[in-house]
Amino acid sequence: MKKLKEQLKLQKDIEVPYHVWRFLGTNSKFILVRGDEASLGEDFGKIEELRKAVEFYVDQLGGKIKWENT
């Protein structure tokens, strides 16, 4: 499966596996891609905004994220 940063270039939505979206709700079944922004289920944002949102959840679970260079 291609990563979001790769899909943004292709302009194709990404199907999210059940074991992921079941915790976030049915609105999160797809990562929607529009221009240079994406949505993980609700609002659209640029990749840096989405990373900060994901980092919040990972921090709540006691983890840290190291991002690849884009």
Protein backbone atom coordinates (compact mmCIF):
# COMPACT_ATOMS: atom_id res chain seq x y z
CA MET A 1 0.00 0.00 0.00
CA LYS A 2 1.35 3.45 -0.90
CA LYS A 3 1.85 6.01 1.85
CA LEU A 4 -0.16 9.23 2.04
CA LYS A 5 2.73 11.40 0.85
CA GLU A 6 2.96 9.25 -2.30
CA GLN A 7 -0.82 9.22 -2.83
CA LEU A 8 -0.99 13.02 -2.63
CA LYS A 9 1.14 13.08 -5.78
CA LEU A 10 -1.18 10.56 -7.50
CA GLN A 11 -4.44 12.21 -6.35
CA LYS A 12 -6.03 8.87 -5.34
CA ASP A 13 -7.87 8.18 -2.09
CA ILE A 14 -6.44 5.49 0.19
CA GLU A 15 -8.59 2.70 1.64
CA VAL A 16 -7.94 2.28 5.37
CA PRO A 17 -7.95 -1.27 6.80
CA TYR A 18 -10.75 -2.23 9.21
CA HIS A 19 -8.36 -2.75 12.14
CA VAL A 20 -7.50 0.98 11.88
CA TRP A 21 -10.77 2.76 11.08
CA ARG A 22 -12.86 0.73 13.53
CA PHE A 23 -11.46 2.89 16.34
CA LEU A 24 -11.94 6.19 14.52
CA GLY A 25 -15.39 5.59 12.98
CA THR A 26 -16.79 4.88 9.56
CA ASN A 27 -15.82 8.36 8.31
CA SER A 28 -12.23 7.14 8.52
CA LYS A 29 -12.60 4.25 6.07
CA PHE A 30 -10.68 6.27 3.49
CA ILE A 31 -7.96 8.89 3.52
CA LEU A 32 -9.39 11.41 1.07
CA VAL A 33 -6.97 13.29 -1.17
CA ARG A 34 -7.80 16.72 -2.64
CA GLY A 35 -5.06 18.83 -4.18
CA ASP A 36 -2.18 19.17 -1.70
CA GLU A 37 -4.38 18.30 1.30
CA ALA A 38 -5.87 15.13 2.73
CA SER A 39 -8.55 14.14 5.24
CA LEU A 40 -8.27 11.34 7.78
CA GLY A 41 -12.02 11.41 8.32
CA GLU A 42 -13.28 14.96 8.84
CA ASP A 43 -11.47 18.17 7.90
CA PHE A 44 -8.74 18.47 5.25
CA GLY A 45 -5.21 19.59 6.08
CA LYS A 46 -1.71 19.76 4.69
CA ILE A 47 0.67 16.91 5.49
CA GLU A 48 2.36 18.83 8.35
CA GLU A 49 -1.01 19.49 10.03
CA LEU A 50 -1.97 15.82 9.68
CA ARG A 51 1.35 14.71 11.14
CA LYS A 52 0.79 16.89 14.22
CA ALA A 53 -2.67 15.36 14.69
CA VAL A 54 -1.30 11.82 14.46
CA GLU A 55 1.57 12.73 16.81
CA PHE A 56 -1.00 13.76 19.44
CA TYR A 57 -2.61 10.31 19.38
CA VAL A 58 0.73 8.50 19.39
CA ASP A 59 1.86 10.62 22.35
CA GLN A 60 -1.33 9.71 24.23
CA LEU A 61 -0.42 6.04 23.73
CA GLY A 62 3.08 6.65 25.11
CA GLY A 63 4.95 6.71 21.80
CA LYS A 64 6.98 9.03 19.64
CA ILE A 65 7.14 9.38 15.85
CA LYS A 66 10.15 10.03 13.67
CA TRP A 67 9.01 11.14 10.20
CA GLU A 68 10.85 10.43 6.97
CA ASN A 69 12.04 13.49 5.07
CA THR A 70 9.59 14.58 2.39
